Amino acid sequence: MKLKEIRRKKWFRIASNKYLLVLVAFAFWMLFLDSNSWLIHRELDLEIDDLEKNREYYLNEISKDKAIIENLSDSLELEKFARREYFMKRDNEEIYIIEYKEAEE
């Protein structure tokens, strides 16, 4: 085909429209190359989602810890906690810590 015949085709006239070319270039720039591109916004949205999940996790942990602290206001519960976690004992007691070896295969 000759160059003049290709220029007369409808698809070539649409594809070579200067406004369309500028619009496509602008859209490509804004979606992929700009500092505020869609890709960067997508990464930031994913990071926000992760941070919100972390926030929920830590809020749940805080509520659990508040319940534990409330239970520790009782002296008997405080003594149980100290014995279990820190292996504390009374003066006239002896504590034996038994550790089991895991089954070797």
Protein backbone atom coordinates (compact mmCIF):
# COMPACT_ATOMS: atom_id res chain seq x y z
CA MET A 1 0.00 0.00 0.00
CA LYS A 2 1.07 3.49 -0.60
CA LEU A 3 1.47 5.99 2.20
CA LYS A 4 -1.40 8.12 0.85
CA GLU A 5 -3.75 5.13 0.96
CA ILE A 6 -2.85 4.42 4.59
CA ARG A 7 -3.45 8.06 5.54
CA ARG A 8 -6.96 7.88 4.10
CA LYS A 9 -7.95 4.95 6.33
CA LYS A 10 -10.29 5.83 9.19
CA TRP A 11 -8.26 4.10 11.91
CA PHE A 12 -5.12 6.00 10.87
CA ARG A 13 -6.92 9.34 11.01
CA ILE A 14 -8.21 8.53 14.51
CA ALA A 15 -4.85 7.22 15.73
CA SER A 16 -2.94 10.20 14.35
CA ASN A 17 -5.28 12.79 15.85
CA LYS A 18 -3.04 15.14 17.84
CA TYR A 19 -5.58 15.57 20.62
CA LEU A 20 -5.91 11.82 21.05
CA LEU A 21 -2.14 11.41 21.09
CA VAL A 22 -1.77 14.12 23.74
CA LEU A 23 -4.56 12.57 25.80
CA VAL A 24 -2.97 9.11 25.65
CA ALA A 25 0.44 10.52 26.56
CA PHE A 26 -1.07 12.49 29.45
CA ALA A 27 -2.97 9.44 30.75
CA PHE A 28 0.16 7.28 30.54
CA TRP A 29 2.18 9.92 32.39
CA MET A 30 -0.42 10.32 35.15
CA LEU A 31 -0.98 6.59 35.61
CA PHE A 32 2.61 5.35 35.62
CA LEU A 33 5.29 8.04 35.61
CA ASP A 34 4.07 10.88 37.85
CA SER A 35 5.11 11.12 41.49
CA ASN A 36 1.43 10.78 42.43
CA SER A 37 0.77 7.94 40.02
CA TRP A 38 -1.85 5.25 40.34
CA LEU A 39 0.84 2.68 41.18
CA ILE A 40 2.10 4.72 44.13
CA HIS A 41 -1.44 5.30 45.37
CA ARG A 42 -2.08 1.56 45.14
CA GLU A 43 1.02 0.80 47.22
CA LEU A 44 0.01 3.41 49.78
CA ASP A 45 -3.51 1.98 49.99
CA LEU A 46 -2.08 -1.50 50.64
CA GLU A 47 0.16 -0.08 53.34
CA ILE A 48 -2.81 1.69 54.94
CA ASP A 49 -4.73 -1.60 54.98
CA ASP A 50 -1.80 -3.35 56.69
CA LEU A 51 -1.53 -0.58 59.26
CA GLU A 52 -5.25 -0.76 60.00
CA LYS A 53 -4.97 -4.51 60.55
CA ASN A 54 -2.04 -3.92 62.91
CA ARG A 55 -4.07 -1.29 64.73
CA GLU A 56 -6.95 -3.73 65.27
CA TYR A 57 -4.55 -6.41 66.49
CA TYR A 58 -2.91 -4.07 68.99
CA LEU A 59 -6.25 -2.74 70.22
CA ASN A 60 -7.31 -6.34 70.91
CA GLU A 61 -4.03 -6.99 72.73
CA ILE A 62 -4.51 -3.84 74.81
CA SER A 63 -7.99 -4.96 75.85
CA LYS A 64 -6.63 -8.40 76.82
CA ASP A 65 -3.84 -6.79 78.85
CA LYS A 66 -6.32 -4.49 80.58
CA ALA A 67 -8.35 -7.54 81.63
CA ILE A 68 -5.20 -9.20 82.97
CA ILE A 69 -4.24 -6.07 84.90
CA GLU A 70 -7.73 -5.88 86.35
CA ASN A 71 -7.44 -9.50 87.50
CA LEU A 72 -4.05 -8.76 89.07
CA SER A 73 -5.59 -6.19 91.41
CA ASP A 74 -6.63 -9.16 93.57
CA SER A 75 -3.72 -10.30 95.76
CA LEU A 76 -4.42 -14.03 95.19
CA GLU A 77 -4.40 -13.59 91.42
CA LEU A 78 -1.21 -11.54 91.69
CA GLU A 79 0.44 -14.35 93.65
CA LYS A 80 -0.67 -16.96 91.09
CA PHE A 81 0.71 -14.82 88.28
CA ALA A 82 4.06 -14.32 90.03
CA ARG A 83 4.39 -18.04 90.72
CA ARG A 84 3.47 -19.04 87.18
CA GLU A 85 5.43 -16.44 85.22
CA TYR A 86 8.42 -15.65 87.40
CA PHE A 87 8.72 -18.87 89.46
CA MET A 88 8.48 -16.96 92.73
CA LYS A 89 8.02 -18.86 95.95
CA ARG A 90 7.39 -18.36 99.60
CA ASP A 91 10.26 -18.59 102.08
CA ASN A 92 9.36 -22.07 103.31
CA GLU A 93 8.75 -23.61 99.85
CA GLU A 94 10.81 -25.32 97.22
CA ILE A 95 9.92 -25.27 93.55
CA TYR A 96 10.83 -27.96 91.07
CA ILE A 97 10.66 -27.09 87.41
CA ILE A 98 10.06 -30.12 85.23
CA GLU A 99 10.82 -29.75 81.55
CA TYR A 100 9.79 -32.48 79.16
CA LYS A 101 11.88 -33.27 76.13
CA GLU A 102 9.90 -33.37 72.93
CA ALA A 103 9.61 -36.77 71.31
CA GLU A 104 12.49 -37.28 68.95
CA GLU A 105 11.57 -38.87 65.68
